[in-house]
C-alpha atoms as a PDB file:
ATOM      1  CA  MET A   1       0.000   0.000   0.000  1.00  0.00           C
ATOM      2  CA  ARG A   2       1.212   3.489  -0.779  1.00  0.00           C
ATOM      3  CA  LYS A   3       1.164   5.537   2.419  1.00  0.00           C
ATOM      4  CA  ILE A   4       1.306   9.278   2.792  1.00  0.00           C
ATOM      5  CA  ALA A   5       3.480  10.499   5.640  1.00  0.00           C
ATOM      6  CA  GLU A   6       3.040  13.639   7.689  1.00  0.00           C
ATOM      7  CA  LYS A   7       5.561  15.562   9.711  1.00  0.00           C
ATOM      8  CA  GLU A   8       4.099  17.772  12.401  1.00  0.00           C
ATOM      9  CA  LEU A   9       5.391  19.218  15.618  1.00  0.00           C
ATOM     10  CA  SER A  10       3.459  18.793  18.845  1.00  0.00           C
ATOM     11  CA  SER A  11       2.590  22.456  18.510  1.00  0.00           C
ATOM     12  CA  GLY A  12       0.700  21.561  15.358  1.00  0.00           C
ATOM     13  CA  LYS A  13       3.091  23.169  12.896  1.00  0.00           C
ATOM     14  CA  PRO A  14       4.308  20.746  10.217  1.00  0.00           C
ATOM     15  CA  GLN A  15       7.849  20.207   9.143  1.00  0.00           C
ATOM     16  CA  ALA A  16       8.892  19.030   5.680  1.00  0.00           C
ATOM     17  CA  GLU A  17       6.851  16.045   4.554  1.00  0.00           C
ATOM     18  CA  GLN A  18       7.348  13.251   2.074  1.00  0.00           C
ATOM     19  CA  GLU A  19       5.612  10.253   0.543  1.00  0.00           C
ATOM     20  CA  ILE A  20       6.509   6.772   1.714  1.00  0.00           C
ATOM     21  CA  TYR A  21       5.867   3.622  -0.282  1.00  0.00           C
ATOM     22  CA  SER A  22       5.437   0.317   1.509  1.00  0.00           C
ATOM     23  CA  THR A  23       3.470  -2.878   1.256  1.00  0.00           C
ATOM     24  CA  SER A  24       0.781  -4.281   3.538  1.00  0.00           C
ATOM     25  CA  SER A  25      -1.005  -7.592   3.464  1.00  0.00           C
ATOM     26  CA  GLU A  26      -4.613  -7.902   2.328  1.00  0.00           C
ATOM     27  CA  ASN A  27      -6.460  -9.515   5.251  1.00  0.00           C
ATOM     28  CA  THR A  28     -10.046 -10.660   5.578  1.00  0.00           C
ATOM     29  CA  ILE A  29     -12.585  -9.524   8.153  1.00  0.00           C
ATOM     30  CA  GLY A  30     -15.491 -11.779   8.976  1.00  0.00           C
ATOM     31  CA  GLY A  31     -15.500 -14.754  11.281  1.00  0.00           C
ATOM     32  CA  THR A  32     -11.887 -15.144  12.376  1.00  0.00           C
ATOM     33  CA  LEU A  33      -9.565 -12.404  11.189  1.00  0.00           C
ATOM     34  CA  GLN A  34      -6.652 -14.015   9.380  1.00  0.00           C
ATOM     35  CA  GLN A  35      -3.180 -12.559   9.853  1.00  0.00           C
ATOM     36  CA  ALA A  36      -0.488 -12.628   7.178  1.00  0.00           C
ATOM     37  CA  ASN A  37       3.153 -12.605   8.193  1.00  0.00           C
ATOM     38  CA  ILE A  38       3.211  -8.888   8.781  1.00  0.00           C
ATOM     39  CA  MET A  39       3.017  -8.806  12.580  1.00  0.00           C
ATOM     40  CA  ASP A  40       2.617 -11.123  15.503  1.00  0.00           C
ATOM     41  CA  VAL A  41      -0.820 -11.071  17.098  1.00  0.00           C
ATOM     42  CA  GLN A  42      -1.475 -12.856  20.359  1.00  0.00           C
ATOM     43  CA  THR A  43      -3.762 -12.439  23.331  1.00  0.00           C
ATOM     44  CA  LEU A  44      -2.201 -10.739  26.338  1.00  0.00           C
ATOM     45  CA  SER A  45      -2.843 -12.756  29.458  1.00  0.00           C
ATOM     46  CA  PRO A  46      -3.096 -11.030  32.861  1.00  0.00           C
ATOM     47  CA  ALA A  47       0.148 -12.654  33.952  1.00  0.00           C
ATOM     48  CA  GLU A  48       2.150 -11.175  31.102  1.00  0.00           C
ATOM     49  CA  ASN A  49       3.928  -7.876  31.320  1.00  0.00           C
ATOM     50  CA  LYS A  50       2.474  -4.834  29.616  1.00  0.00           C
ATOM     51  CA  PRO A  51       3.970  -4.073  26.196  1.00  0.00           C
ATOM     52  CA  ASN A  52       6.879  -1.677  26.146  1.00  0.00           C
ATOM     53  CA  LYS A  53       6.120   1.758  24.837  1.00  0.00           C
ATOM     54  CA  PRO A  54       8.224   4.907  24.522  1.00  0.00           C
ATOM     55  CA  ASP A  55       7.736   8.000  26.583  1.00  0.00           C
ATOM     56  CA  GLU A  56       4.926  10.163  25.285  1.00  0.00           C
ATOM     57  CA  PRO A  57       5.380  13.905  24.726  1.00  0.00           C
ATOM     58  CA  ASN A  58       3.405  16.350  26.788  1.00  0.00           C
ATOM     59  CA  LYS A  59       0.088  17.175  25.163  1.00  0.00           C
ATOM     60  CA  PRO A  60      -0.831  20.868  24.998  1.00  0.00           C
ATOM     61  CA  TYR A  61      -4.468  20.064  25.758  1.00  0.00           C
ATOM     62  CA  GLU A  62      -6.310  17.112  27.194  1.00  0.00           C
ATOM     63  CA  SER A  63      -9.701  17.172  28.867  1.00  0.00           C
ATOM     64  CA  ASN A  64     -10.123  15.233  32.099  1.00  0.00           C
ATOM     65  CA  GLU A  65     -13.895  15.301  31.853  1.00  0.00           C
ATOM     66  CA  PRO A  66     -15.644  11.966  31.406  1.00  0.00           C
ATOM     67  CA  ILE A  67     -16.875  10.831  28.034  1.00  0.00           C
ATOM     68  CA  GLY A  68     -20.487   9.747  27.756  1.00  0.00           C
ATOM     69  CA  SER A  69     -23.975  11.165  27.860  1.00  0.00           C
ATOM     70  CA  ASP A  70     -22.998  13.304  30.877  1.00  0.00           C
ATOM     71  CA  GLY A  71     -19.932  14.763  29.193  1.00  0.00           C
ATOM     72  CA  LEU A  72     -21.292  15.244  25.672  1.00  0.00           C
ATOM     73  CA  ASN A  73     -24.458  16.846  24.410  1.00  0.00           C
ATOM     74  CA  VAL A  74     -26.047  13.744  22.915  1.00  0.00           C
ATOM     75  CA  PRO A  75     -29.863  13.683  22.803  1.00  0.00           C
ATOM     76  CA  ASN A  76     -31.338  10.521  24.302  1.00  0.00           C
ATOM     77  CA  GLU A  77     -34.447  10.349  22.117  1.00  0.00           C
ATOM     78  CA  GLU A  78     -35.284   7.299  20.077  1.00  0.00           C
ATOM     79  CA  ILE A  79     -34.075   6.918  16.511  1.00  0.00           C
ATOM     80  CA  ARG A  80     -36.238   5.798  13.631  1.00  0.00           C
ATOM     81  CA  SER A  81     -35.096   2.984  11.387  1.00  0.00           C
ATOM     82  CA  ASP A  82     -34.011   5.576   8.831  1.00  0.00           C
ATOM     83  CA  GLY A  83     -31.772   7.223  11.423  1.00  0.00           C
ATOM     84  CA  SER A  84     -33.966  10.293  11.977  1.00  0.00           C
ATOM     85  CA  ASP A  85     -34.949  11.496  15.433  1.00  0.00           C
ATOM     86  CA  VAL A  86     -38.385  10.781  16.842  1.00  0.00           C
ATOM     87  CA  GLN A  87     -38.629  13.413  19.549  1.00  0.00           C
ATOM     88  CA  ASN A  88     -36.140  16.023  18.412  1.00  0.00           C
ATOM     89  CA  GLU A  89     -37.611  17.177  15.122  1.00  0.00           C
ATOM     90  CA  PRO A  90     -36.152  20.182  13.258  1.00  0.00           C
ATOM     91  CA  LYS A  91     -37.264  23.577  14.445  1.00  0.00           C
ATOM     92  CA  GLU A  92     -39.978  25.223  12.418  1.00  0.00           C
ATOM     93  CA  SER A  93     -38.618  27.788  10.016  1.00  0.00           C
ATOM     94  CA  ASP A  94     -38.914  31.367  11.209  1.00  0.00           C
ATOM     95  CA  GLY A  95     -39.163  32.471   7.606  1.00  0.00           C
ATOM     96  CA  SER A  96     -35.608  33.763   7.543  1.00  0.00           C
ATOM     97  CA  ASP A  97     -33.111  33.027   4.815  1.00  0.00           C
ATOM     98  CA  ALA A  98     -30.361  32.241   7.326  1.00  0.00           C
ATOM     99  CA  PRO A  99     -28.912  29.145   5.594  1.00  0.00           C
ATOM    100  CA  ASN A 100     -28.553  30.929   2.256  1.00  0.00           C
ATOM    101  CA  GLU A 101     -27.147  34.003   3.959  1.00  0.00           C
ATOM    102  CA  LEU A 102     -24.552  31.890   5.750  1.00  0.00           C
ATOM    103  CA  LYS A 103     -23.637  30.020   2.578  1.00  0.00           C
ATOM    104  CA  SER A 104     -23.227  33.329   0.782  1.00  0.00           C
ATOM    105  CA  ARG A 105     -21.003  34.705   3.557  1.00  0.00           C
ATOM    106  CA  LEU A 106     -18.908  31.537   3.605  1.00  0.00           C
ATOM    107  CA  SER A 107     -18.572  31.577  -0.169  1.00  0.00           C
ATOM    108  CA  ASP A 108     -17.471  35.218  -0.117  1.00  0.00           C
ATOM    109  CA  TYR A 109     -14.976  34.572   2.681  1.00  0.00           C
ATOM    110  CA  ILE A 110     -13.476  31.481   1.066  1.00  0.00           C
ATOM    111  CA  GLY A 111     -13.335  33.215  -2.314  1.00  0.00           C
ATOM    112  CA  LYS A 112     -11.002  35.840  -0.872  1.00  0.00           C
ATOM    113  CA  GLN A 113      -8.462  33.275   0.330  1.00  0.00           C
ATOM    114  CA  GLN A 114      -5.409  32.046  -1.515  1.00  0.00           C
ATOM    115  CA  GLY A 115      -5.509  28.402  -2.464  1.00  0.00           C
ATOM    116  CA  LYS A 116      -8.583  26.202  -2.536  1.00  0.00           C
ATOM    117  CA  TYR A 117     -10.972  25.241   0.265  1.00  0.00           C
ATOM    118  CA  GLY A 118     -13.952  22.971   0.539  1.00  0.00           C
ATOM    119  CA  PHE A 119     -16.268  22.237   3.453  1.00  0.00           C
ATOM    120  CA  TYR A 120     -19.367  20.282   4.350  1.00  0.00           C
ATOM    121  CA  TYR A 121     -21.734  20.651   7.297  1.00  0.00           C
ATOM    122  CA  ILE A 122     -24.354  18.152   8.510  1.00  0.00           C
ATOM    123  CA  ASN A 123     -26.644  19.027  11.405  1.00  0.00           C
ATOM    124  CA  LEU A 124     -27.051  15.703  13.181  1.00  0.00           C
ATOM    125  CA  ILE A 125     -30.422  16.649  14.677  1.00  0.00           C
ATOM    126  CA  THR A 126     -32.225  18.730  12.040  1.00  0.00           C
ATOM    127  CA  LYS A 127     -30.529  16.896   9.137  1.00  0.00           C
ATOM    128  CA  GLU A 128     -29.749  20.232   7.476  1.00  0.00           C
ATOM    129  CA  GLU A 129     -26.621  20.035   5.356  1.00  0.00           C
ATOM    130  CA  PHE A 130     -24.728  22.180   2.885  1.00  0.00           C
ATOM    131  CA  GLY A 131     -21.216  22.913   1.711  1.00  0.00           C
ATOM    132  CA  LEU A 132     -18.896  24.395  -0.871  1.00  0.00           C
ATOM    133  CA  ASN A 133     -16.639  22.385  -3.181  1.00  0.00           C
ATOM    134  CA  GLU A 134     -17.815  19.462  -1.060  1.00  0.00           C
ATOM    135  CA  LYS A 135     -17.508  16.837  -3.797  1.00  0.00           C
ATOM    136  CA  ASP A 136     -14.144  18.074  -5.084  1.00  0.00           C
ATOM    137  CA  GLU A 137     -11.285  15.699  -4.339  1.00  0.00           C
ATOM    138  CA  PHE A 138      -8.486  16.741  -1.983  1.00  0.00           C
ATOM    139  CA  ILE A 139      -5.520  14.865  -0.518  1.00  0.00           C
ATOM    140  CA  ALA A 140      -6.884  13.134   2.570  1.00  0.00           C
ATOM    141  CA  ALA A 141      -3.670  12.979   4.635  1.00  0.00           C
ATOM    142  CA  SER A 142      -4.441  11.659   8.129  1.00  0.00           C
ATOM    143  CA  THR A 143      -8.145  12.537   8.159  1.00  0.00           C
ATOM    144  CA  THR A 144      -8.871   8.984   7.003  1.00  0.00           C
ATOM    145  CA  LYS A 145      -7.494   7.667  10.277  1.00  0.00           C
ATOM    146  CA  LEU A 146     -10.992   8.474  11.532  1.00  0.00           C
ATOM    147  CA  PRO A 147     -12.936   5.953   9.383  1.00  0.00           C
ATOM    148  CA  MET A 148     -10.109   3.438   9.682  1.00  0.00           C
ATOM    149  CA  ASN A 149     -10.438   3.511  13.453  1.00  0.00           C
ATOM    150  CA  MET A 150     -14.213   3.358  13.149  1.00  0.00           C
ATOM    151  CA  LEU A 151     -13.833   0.027  11.366  1.00  0.00           C
ATOM    152  CA  LEU A 152     -11.438  -1.175  14.053  1.00  0.00           C
ATOM    153  CA  TYR A 153     -13.927  -0.385  16.818  1.00  0.00           C
ATOM    154  CA  ARG A 154     -16.763  -1.994  14.863  1.00  0.00           C
ATOM    155  CA  GLU A 155     -14.659  -5.159  14.705  1.00  0.00           C
ATOM    156  CA  ILE A 156     -13.998  -4.886  18.437  1.00  0.00           C
ATOM    157  CA  GLU A 157     -17.726  -4.427  19.034  1.00  0.00           C
ATOM    158  CA  ALA A 158     -18.474  -7.543  16.962  1.00  0.00           C
ATOM    159  CA  GLY A 159     -15.936  -9.565  18.939  1.00  0.00           C
ATOM    160  CA  ARG A 160     -13.718 -10.245  15.926  1.00  0.00           C
ATOM    161  CA  ILE A 161     -10.791  -8.256  17.313  1.00  0.00           C
ATOM    162  CA  ASP A 162      -9.602  -8.302  20.921  1.00  0.00           C
ATOM    163  CA  PRO A 163      -8.413  -4.809  21.938  1.00  0.00           C
ATOM    164  CA  ASP A 164      -5.902  -6.457  24.290  1.00  0.00           C
ATOM    165  CA  SER A 165      -4.307  -8.469  21.486  1.00  0.00           C
ATOM    166  CA  ILE A 166      -0.666  -7.690  20.862  1.00  0.00           C
ATOM    167  CA  LEU A 167       0.723  -6.016  17.745  1.00  0.00           C
ATOM    168  CA  THR A 168       4.450  -6.173  17.092  1.00  0.00           C
ATOM    169  CA  TYR A 169       6.077  -3.118  15.513  1.00  0.00           C
ATOM    170  CA  ARG A 170       8.021  -4.270  12.458  1.00  0.00           C
ATOM    171  CA  GLU A 171      10.250  -2.559   9.923  1.00  0.00           C
ATOM    172  CA  GLU A 172       7.517  -2.581   7.274  1.00  0.00           C
ATOM    173  CA  ASN A 173       5.303  -0.558   9.634  1.00  0.00           C
ATOM    174  CA  TYR A 174       7.813   2.289   9.830  1.00  0.00           C
ATOM    175  CA  GLU A 175       6.751   5.632   8.436  1.00  0.00           C
ATOM    176  CA  PRO A 176       8.352   8.943   9.450  1.00  0.00           C
ATOM    177  CA  GLY A 177       6.329  11.961  10.377  1.00  0.00           C
ATOM    178  CA  THR A 178       3.841  12.218  13.184  1.00  0.00           C
ATOM    179  CA  GLY A 179       3.798   9.904  16.160  1.00  0.00           C
ATOM    180  CA  ILE A 180       6.111   8.346  18.721  1.00  0.00           C
ATOM    181  CA  ILE A 181       6.347   4.692  17.710  1.00  0.00           C
ATOM    182  CA  GLN A 182       8.885   5.615  15.008  1.00  0.00           C
ATOM    183  CA  LYS A 183      11.365   6.245  17.843  1.00  0.00           C
ATOM    184  CA  SER A 184      10.972   2.760  19.311  1.00  0.00           C
ATOM    185  CA  GLU A 185      12.861  -0.379  18.331  1.00  0.00           C
ATOM    186  CA  PHE A 186      11.451  -2.906  15.897  1.00  0.00           C
ATOM    187  CA  GLY A 187       9.954  -5.727  17.902  1.00  0.00           C
ATOM    188  CA  THR A 188       8.352  -3.407  20.443  1.00  0.00           C
ATOM    189  CA  THR A 189       4.826  -4.557  21.227  1.00  0.00           C
ATOM    190  CA  TYR A 190       1.586  -2.633  21.701  1.00  0.00           C
ATOM    191  CA  THR A 191      -1.956  -3.688  22.362  1.00  0.00           C
ATOM    192  CA  VAL A 192      -4.481  -2.978  19.633  1.00  0.00           C
ATOM    193  CA  ARG A 193      -6.042  -0.411  21.951  1.00  0.00           C
ATOM    194  CA  GLU A 194      -2.712   1.356  22.522  1.00  0.00           C
ATOM    195  CA  ALA A 195      -1.974   1.505  18.803  1.00  0.00           C
ATOM    196  CA  ALA A 196      -5.450   2.884  18.108  1.00  0.00           C
ATOM    197  CA  ARG A 197      -5.055   5.606  20.723  1.00  0.00           C
ATOM    198  CA  LEU A 198      -1.651   6.650  19.410  1.00  0.00           C
ATOM    199  CA  SER A 199      -2.946   6.759  15.826  1.00  0.00           C
ATOM    200  CA  ILE A 200      -5.562   9.322  16.860  1.00  0.00           C
ATOM    201  CA  VAL A 201      -4.125  11.337  19.761  1.00  0.00           C
ATOM    202  CA  TYR A 202      -0.675  11.719  18.166  1.00  0.00           C
ATOM    203  CA  SER A 203      -1.674  10.847  14.579  1.00  0.00           C
ATOM    204  CA  ASP A 204       0.950   8.108  14.790  1.00  0.00           C
ATOM    205  CA  ASN A 205       1.703   6.845  11.289  1.00  0.00           C
ATOM    206  CA  CYS A 206       3.441   3.660  12.423  1.00  0.00           C
ATOM    207  CA  ALA A 207       0.548   2.775  14.723  1.00  0.00           C
ATOM    208  CA  MET A 208      -1.906   3.330  11.889  1.00  0.00           C
ATOM    209  CA  ASN A 209       0.136   1.119   9.569  1.00  0.00           C
ATOM    210  CA  MET A 210      -0.004  -1.672  12.146  1.00  0.00           C
ATOM    211  CA  ILE A 211      -3.791  -1.311  12.307  1.00  0.00           C
ATOM    212  CA  ILE A 212      -4.087  -1.182   8.505  1.00  0.00           C
ATOM    213  CA  ASP A 213      -2.204  -4.475   8.336  1.00  0.00           C
ATOM    214  CA  LEU A 214      -4.558  -5.919  10.936  1.00  0.00           C
ATOM    215  CA  LEU A 215      -7.739  -4.809   9.170  1.00  0.00           C
ATOM    216  CA  GLY A 216      -6.663  -5.156   5.537  1.00  0.00           C
ATOM    217  CA  ILE A 217      -6.691  -2.221   3.139  1.00  0.00           C
ATOM    218  CA  ASP A 218      -9.407  -3.718   0.914  1.00  0.00           C
ATOM    219  CA  ASN A 219     -11.685  -4.089   3.930  1.00  0.00           C
ATOM    220  CA  ILE A 220     -11.002  -0.476   4.864  1.00  0.00           C
ATOM    221  CA  ARG A 221     -11.838   0.756   1.363  1.00  0.00           C
ATOM    222  CA  LYS A 222     -15.074  -1.225   1.298  1.00  0.00           C
ATOM    223  CA  TYR A 223     -16.047   0.048   4.744  1.00  0.00           C
ATOM    224  CA  MET A 224     -15.510   3.663   3.697  1.00  0.00           C
ATOM    225  CA  GLN A 225     -17.787   3.093   0.718  1.00  0.00           C
ATOM    226  CA  ASP A 226     -20.358   1.346   2.919  1.00  0.00           C
ATOM    227  CA  LEU A 227     -20.389   4.386   5.207  1.00  0.00           C
ATOM    228  CA  GLY A 228     -21.406   6.521   2.236  1.00  0.00           C
ATOM    229  CA  GLY A 229     -18.054   7.614   0.851  1.00  0.00           C
ATOM    230  CA  THR A 230     -18.178   8.669  -2.791  1.00  0.00           C
ATOM    231  CA  VAL A 231     -14.438   8.893  -3.526  1.00  0.00           C
ATOM    232  CA  TYR A 232     -12.592   5.583  -3.841  1.00  0.00           C
ATOM    233  CA  TYR A 233      -9.675   5.607  -1.417  1.00  0.00           C
ATOM    234  CA  GLY A 234      -7.020   4.404  -3.832  1.00  0.00           C
ATOM    235  CA  GLU A 235      -3.287   4.906  -4.086  1.00  0.00           C
ATOM    236  CA  ASN A 236      -3.659   8.639  -4.655  1.00  0.00           C
ATOM    237  CA  HIS A 237      -5.186   8.931  -1.166  1.00  0.00           C
ATOM    238  CA  ARG A 238      -7.991  11.314  -2.085  1.00  0.00           C
ATOM    239  CA  THR A 239     -11.275  12.082  -0.407  1.00  0.00           C
ATOM    240  CA  CYS A 240     -13.668  15.034  -0.301  1.00  0.00           C
ATOM    241  CA  PRO A 241     -15.272  17.218   2.396  1.00  0.00           C
ATOM    242  CA  TYR A 242     -18.631  15.537   1.843  1.00  0.00           C
ATOM    243  CA  ASP A 243     -17.211  12.072   2.503  1.00  0.00           C
ATOM    244  CA  LEU A 244     -15.355  13.156   5.630  1.00  0.00           C
ATOM    245  CA  ALA A 245     -18.451  14.833   7.070  1.00  0.00           C
ATOM    246  CA  VAL A 246     -20.469  11.694   6.334  1.00  0.00           C
ATOM    247  CA  TYR A 247     -17.880   9.595   8.181  1.00  0.00           C
ATOM    248  CA  ALA A 248     -18.161  11.922  11.181  1.00  0.00           C
ATOM    249  CA  ALA A 249     -21.957  11.696  11.057  1.00  0.00           C
ATOM    250  CA  ARG A 250     -21.707   7.895  11.017  1.00  0.00           C
ATOM    251  CA  LEU A 251     -19.400   8.059  14.027  1.00  0.00           C
ATOM    252  CA  TYR A 252     -22.078  10.036  15.862  1.00  0.00           C
ATOM    253  CA  GLU A 253     -24.599   7.299  15.044  1.00  0.00           C
ATOM    254  CA  PHE A 254     -22.115   4.652  16.203  1.00  0.00           C
ATOM    255  CA  TYR A 255     -21.656   6.551  19.460  1.00  0.00           C
ATOM    256  CA  ARG A 256     -25.389   6.671  20.096  1.00  0.00           C
ATOM    257  CA  GLU A 257     -25.756   2.977  19.327  1.00  0.00           C
ATOM    258  CA  SER A 258     -22.742   1.808  21.309  1.00  0.00           C
ATOM    259  CA  PRO A 259     -21.391   4.534  23.624  1.00  0.00           C
ATOM    260  CA  GLU A 260     -19.220   2.127  25.613  1.00  0.00           C
ATOM    261  CA  ILE A 261     -17.272   1.192  22.457  1.00  0.00           C
ATOM    262  CA  ALA A 262     -17.450   4.265  20.226  1.00  0.00           C
ATOM    263  CA  GLY A 263     -16.971   6.503  23.265  1.00  0.00           C
ATOM    264  CA  ILE A 264     -13.359   5.331  23.480  1.00  0.00           C
ATOM    265  CA  LEU A 265     -12.697   6.607  19.964  1.00  0.00           C
ATOM    266  CA  ILE A 266     -14.630   9.809  20.679  1.00  0.00           C
ATOM    267  CA  GLU A 267     -12.433  10.430  23.717  1.00  0.00           C
ATOM    268  CA  ASP A 268      -9.231   9.920  21.746  1.00  0.00           C
ATOM    269  CA  LEU A 269     -10.434  12.294  19.022  1.00  0.00           C
ATOM    270  CA  GLN A 270     -11.351  14.844  21.658  1.00  0.00           C
ATOM    271  CA  ASN A 271      -7.921  14.613  23.284  1.00  0.00           C
ATOM    272  CA  THR A 272      -5.788  14.977  20.162  1.00  0.00           C
ATOM    273  CA  ILE A 273      -2.740  17.184  20.608  1.00  0.00           C
ATOM    274  CA  TRP A 274      -3.798  19.365  17.633  1.00  0.00           C
ATOM    275  CA  ASN A 275      -6.367  22.009  18.485  1.00  0.00           C
ATOM    276  CA  ASP A 276      -5.657  24.790  16.009  1.00  0.00           C
ATOM    277  CA  ARG A 277      -8.516  24.390  13.523  1.00  0.00           C
ATOM    278  CA  ILE A 278     -12.154  23.330  13.965  1.00  0.00           C
ATOM    279  CA  ASN A 279     -12.195  23.871  17.726  1.00  0.00           C
ATOM    280  CA  LYS A 280      -9.744  26.777  17.961  1.00  0.00           C
ATOM    281  CA  LEU A 281     -12.309  29.608  18.142  1.00  0.00           C
ATOM    282  CA  LEU A 282     -15.152  27.681  19.773  1.00  0.00           C
ATOM    283  CA  PRO A 283     -16.052  27.957  23.464  1.00  0.00           C
ATOM    284  CA  LYS A 284     -13.754  25.776  25.555  1.00  0.00           C
ATOM    285  CA  GLU A 285     -16.674  23.912  27.105  1.00  0.00           C
ATOM    286  CA  VAL A 286     -17.837  22.629  23.708  1.00  0.00           C
ATOM    287  CA  LYS A 287     -16.623  19.097  23.051  1.00  0.00           C
ATOM    288  CA  VAL A 288     -15.034  18.639  19.621  1.00  0.00           C
ATOM    289  CA  PRO A 289     -13.716  15.166  18.778  1.00  0.00           C
ATOM    290  CA  HIS A 290     -11.836  15.693  15.514  1.00  0.00           C
ATOM    291  CA  LYS A 291      -9.006  14.482  13.288  1.00  0.00           C
ATOM    292  CA  ILE A 292      -6.610  16.737  11.414  1.00  0.00           C
ATOM    293  CA  GLY A 293      -4.584  15.908   8.338  1.00  0.00           C
ATOM    294  CA  ASN A 294      -1.431  17.603   7.022  1.00  0.00           C
ATOM    295  CA  TYR A 295       0.525  17.253   3.806  1.00  0.00           C
ATOM    296  CA  PRO A 296       2.618  19.813   1.897  1.00  0.00           C
ATOM    297  CA  LYS A 297       0.285  22.720   1.116  1.00  0.00           C
ATOM    298  CA  VAL A 298      -2.665  20.667   2.436  1.00  0.00           C
ATOM    299  CA  TYR A 299      -4.302  21.160   5.856  1.00  0.00           C
ATOM    300  CA  ASN A 300      -7.594  19.509   6.778  1.00  0.00           C
ATOM    301  CA  ASP A 301      -9.825  18.838   9.758  1.00  0.00           C
ATOM    302  CA  VAL A 302     -12.970  16.781  10.329  1.00  0.00           C
ATOM    303  CA  GLY A 303     -15.020  16.229  13.446  1.00  0.00           C
ATOM    304  CA  ILE A 304     -18.199  16.467  15.456  1.00  0.00           C
ATOM    305  CA  VAL A 305     -19.102  19.659  17.297  1.00  0.00           C
ATOM    306  CA  PHE A 306     -21.251  18.845  20.321  1.00  0.00           C
ATOM    307  CA  ALA A 307     -23.180  22.109  20.266  1.00  0.00           C
ATOM    308  CA  SER A 308     -26.756  22.313  21.570  1.00  0.00           C
ATOM    309  CA  ARG A 309     -27.594  20.550  18.316  1.00  0.00           C
ATOM    310  CA  PRO A 310     -24.524  18.496  17.397  1.00  0.00           C
ATOM    311  CA  TYR A 311     -23.206  18.661  13.859  1.00  0.00           C
ATOM    312  CA  ALA A 312     -20.503  17.140  11.690  1.00  0.00           C
ATOM    313  CA  ILE A 313     -18.078  19.380   9.855  1.00  0.00           C
ATOM    314  CA  ALA A 314     -15.184  18.809   7.480  1.00  0.00           C
ATOM    315  CA  VAL A 315     -12.911  21.449   5.964  1.00  0.00           C
ATOM    316  CA  MET A 316     -10.198  20.642   3.440  1.00  0.00           C
ATOM    317  CA  SER A 317      -7.624  22.772   1.649  1.00  0.00           C
ATOM    318  CA  ASP A 318      -5.109  22.669  -1.162  1.00  0.00           C
ATOM    319  CA  ASN A 319      -2.226  24.926  -2.189  1.00  0.00           C
ATOM    320  CA  THR A 320      -2.320  26.693   1.170  1.00  0.00           C
ATOM    321  CA  GLU A 321       0.102  27.690   3.912  1.00  0.00           C
ATOM    322  CA  TYR A 322      -0.108  26.187   7.390  1.00  0.00           C
ATOM    323  CA  GLU A 323      -0.779  29.281   9.507  1.00  0.00           C
ATOM    324  CA  THR A 324      -3.243  30.771   7.042  1.00  0.00           C
ATOM    325  CA  ALA A 325      -5.090  27.514   6.424  1.00  0.00           C
ATOM    326  CA  SER A 326      -5.444  26.841  10.143  1.00  0.00           C
ATOM    327  CA  ASP A 327      -6.942  30.298  10.666  1.00  0.00           C
ATOM    328  CA  VAL A 328      -9.286  29.940   7.691  1.00  0.00           C
ATOM    329  CA  ILE A 329     -10.527  26.540   8.883  1.00  0.00           C
ATOM    330  CA  ALA A 330     -11.043  27.951  12.381  1.00  0.00           C
ATOM    331  CA  THR A 331     -13.003  30.899  10.979  1.00  0.00           C
ATOM    332  CA  ILE A 332     -15.232  28.700   8.810  1.00  0.00           C
ATOM    333  CA  SER A 333     -15.901  26.525  11.839  1.00  0.00           C
ATOM    334  CA  LYS A 334     -16.785  29.525  14.014  1.00  0.00           C
ATOM    335  CA  MET A 335     -19.156  30.947  11.394  1.00  0.00           C
ATOM    336  CA  ILE A 336     -21.040  27.653  11.276  1.00  0.00           C
ATOM    337  CA  TYR A 337     -21.064  27.339  15.064  1.00  0.00           C
ATOM    338  CA  ASP A 338     -22.513  30.842  15.450  1.00  0.00           C
ATOM    339  CA  TYR A 339     -25.183  29.950  12.905  1.00  0.00           C
ATOM    340  CA  VAL A 340     -26.137  26.743  14.744  1.00  0.00           C
ATOM    341  CA  GLU A 341     -26.222  28.454  18.124  1.00  0.00           C
END
């Protein structure tokens, strides 16, 4: 599989980046997950020592608040078979043209920026949605670590993957850029759960490669399409704002269906060390589980904003500079938040 590497500092500012080419096995999910000779997988018994792992850098932000219905604004009403809410119907229109006014303002703002931007917004309660350049393809970078981890936690939920199983870090898993596993020795072991957390909180490329080998890239591609993705995640590693927002919306549904499983992923996304985009200008008390992605001239972010009426948002860019793109994404996010609230 061709893998795109990122290089980012813990402050969020990227260094020089490059593309890495490596190969992963094609595994099968369903029944017993079969492992090729990419890594050793075994069940960790209570008597065994914990896997070694390197020291983790200090995170600039991490919430200590609990994850769950008490910590996040998740309505508890029933859900119809089509996914719509029974008790929390959309508000009646006040006759205003607010959505069109907002879209016009966003279009004007984005049109004044250098480079290209696209976004998509989905209100998870009212089902309102709109965007700009939402079906245009952009380089995904690490934003696709979100749906990849969603598949992992679905497999954990189904009992096909044990989160305490051991993954062995091998040379073929190495990828420079973000993360801390790259500093450890080959042969170091991690539980599936540890690798998943590192792939989200620190956007660890090596951890994600270990999980990709576990899941199988073909299974990941099919899952992304099953979620509603419209762009095939091939070797050019493209996606679009619409697809990313749909993945975030599906994560919200997963969380409501299975908070004890999906809540772990939500917590990791909420505690990422990068907080310079979607959540930068929002009130600190608003929970924002999200996943950034960086590549040369490309800066993206996708997540769920747990406002009074939660919504999914994805913003992608191309031919942009880091500082400017981060500010533009933060501004787009704030404009949508102010509209929702």
